[in-house]
Amino acid sequence: MFYGRERELEKLNNMYRSNKFEFAVFYGRRRVGKTTLIREFCKDKNAIYFVAREASSEVNLQNFSNDVFSITDRNKMENIYFQDWEKAFEYLGNISKEERLILVIDEYPYLAESLPSISSVIQAHIDMKLKDGKLFLILCGSSMSFMENQVLGYKSPLYGRRTAQFRVKPFTYFESIPFMDGYKKEDKAVFYGITGGIPEYLSKINNDLSLKENIISLYLDDSGALYEEPTNLLKQELREPATYNGIIDSIAAGASRLSEIASKNNMESNKCAKYLSSLISLGIVKKEIPITEKVSRKSIYLLSDQMFRFWYRFVFPNMSLIASGFGEEVYNAKIESQLNSFMGLTFEEICKQYMYQNIKSAPFFFGNIGRWWGNNPKLKRQEEIDLMAYEGSSAIFGECKWTNSLVDTDVLNDIVRKSRMFHYNHIYFYIFAKRGFTEQCIKKAQSMGNVELICFQDM
């Protein structure tokens, strides 16, 4: 069953209907659904789908030849291959001169690794012939740094040729809901937290099992589908997985400053920054600064991949116990009581998504939403604000509480106090709660007039 990606499909189909040369670039982390999206688009269309291998240029050319001829010349004799890639694209140029044809090259970085000149070959054929025909070319890759620099980047031979680019992102919580039919809303939020909205992971949810049973089956069993997923991904993408493993583990354990992360991994800050940059390019780590600042020395590093955050917090430290068959015991003793704490950051992300989704009904139109932290000069102490959005003289200050107790006036009073550190003419408050609000909090919010109390069940 195919879910979501309506905007991307609409854009692709509009491009397809142009009936002229189109060139789309797809990139995003592994398992995010790039291939599924492209195959859904290609369904019932005249399309060649080639997946490059970690192999020689010759092997890739043979496989490419087979995939091309299987669509364009079904009567071709076996073991007939293009002489070289130049001839391959010349052939495709002739075929697509009058006929609409989609050509997908998936795992493009593998092909480029086996033949570094392939981007120049494609660029030359686009400029000489393809741009005047009806080919719809799609290049797709999971190495985001490669796709951004070697395909989309200014120094790439292909720079300026693409007609669209799609950075395929994980589903939001709201986009993930169809995968979790039949569960309580709070369980759906936890499922989102442990999968990070990655379609492949969401598809592994067994709707006949409870939340607890799914977590044990997927993560806390040494034959589980996601038991070794992060380490397998690191091995696929990076040359020093053990080093990256240590860096991710230190962030999951609470280290957020560059100096802290470097110290915990016994390396110099400059060297550590390079490793962090690679993890950022893969979408595993993110670098944040307070939302109100353009450049800041207060930058911190967090795990942007929710599944990685869950795995390194609960699975990685307990792998020996899990391998010994104590998965359920690990859940009961080390996970169940910590889920609310783990869900704090996930709930902040869901609230941020909710604010974007409902931006038209917000008191003003804002650009970015983010966290804020810094010094309170009056109280001479550090303060944090879960969510903040601003535009011109207007600002929204938000707090997100994933707790089983009702949110009381102390939370509202606290965010009002924090807002006084800033100087905006029009101030609004959003308080998000897992379970709801006390009568006193509701009455105070109503009396203030600029407060939105939002219960998760109503989101």
Foldseek 3Di string as FASTA:
>chain_A
DDFDPPVVLVVVVVVLVVQFEAEEEEEAAPLQCPVVVVVVSCPPHQEQAAEADLDALVVSQLSSQVSVCVRVPVPDDPPDTDPHVLRVLVVVLVVQQEPAYEYEYEQVVSNCVNPVCVQVSVLVSCVPGRRNGRYYYYYYHHQQVCCVPQQDNPPHSNHPVHPYYYYRDADALVRLVVLAPPDDLVLSLLQCLQQVNRVVSSVQDDNVDDSLVRCCQQDLAPVHVNVCVVLVSCVVQHDCSVLLVLLLLQQLVPAWALVSSCVSSVHDSVVSVVSVVSCVSSQQKDKDAFPVDPDDPPITIHGRRSNSSVCSQQRVVCVVVSHVPCSSVSCVPPNVVCSLVSCQLSQLSNVLVVCVVPQVPDPDHFDDKAKHWDAQVVVGDIDIFSIKTDDDQEIETEDEHSDPDAAECVVVVVSVVVCVSDGGPHYAYEYEYAAYHDPRNVVVQVVVVRYHYHYSVRD
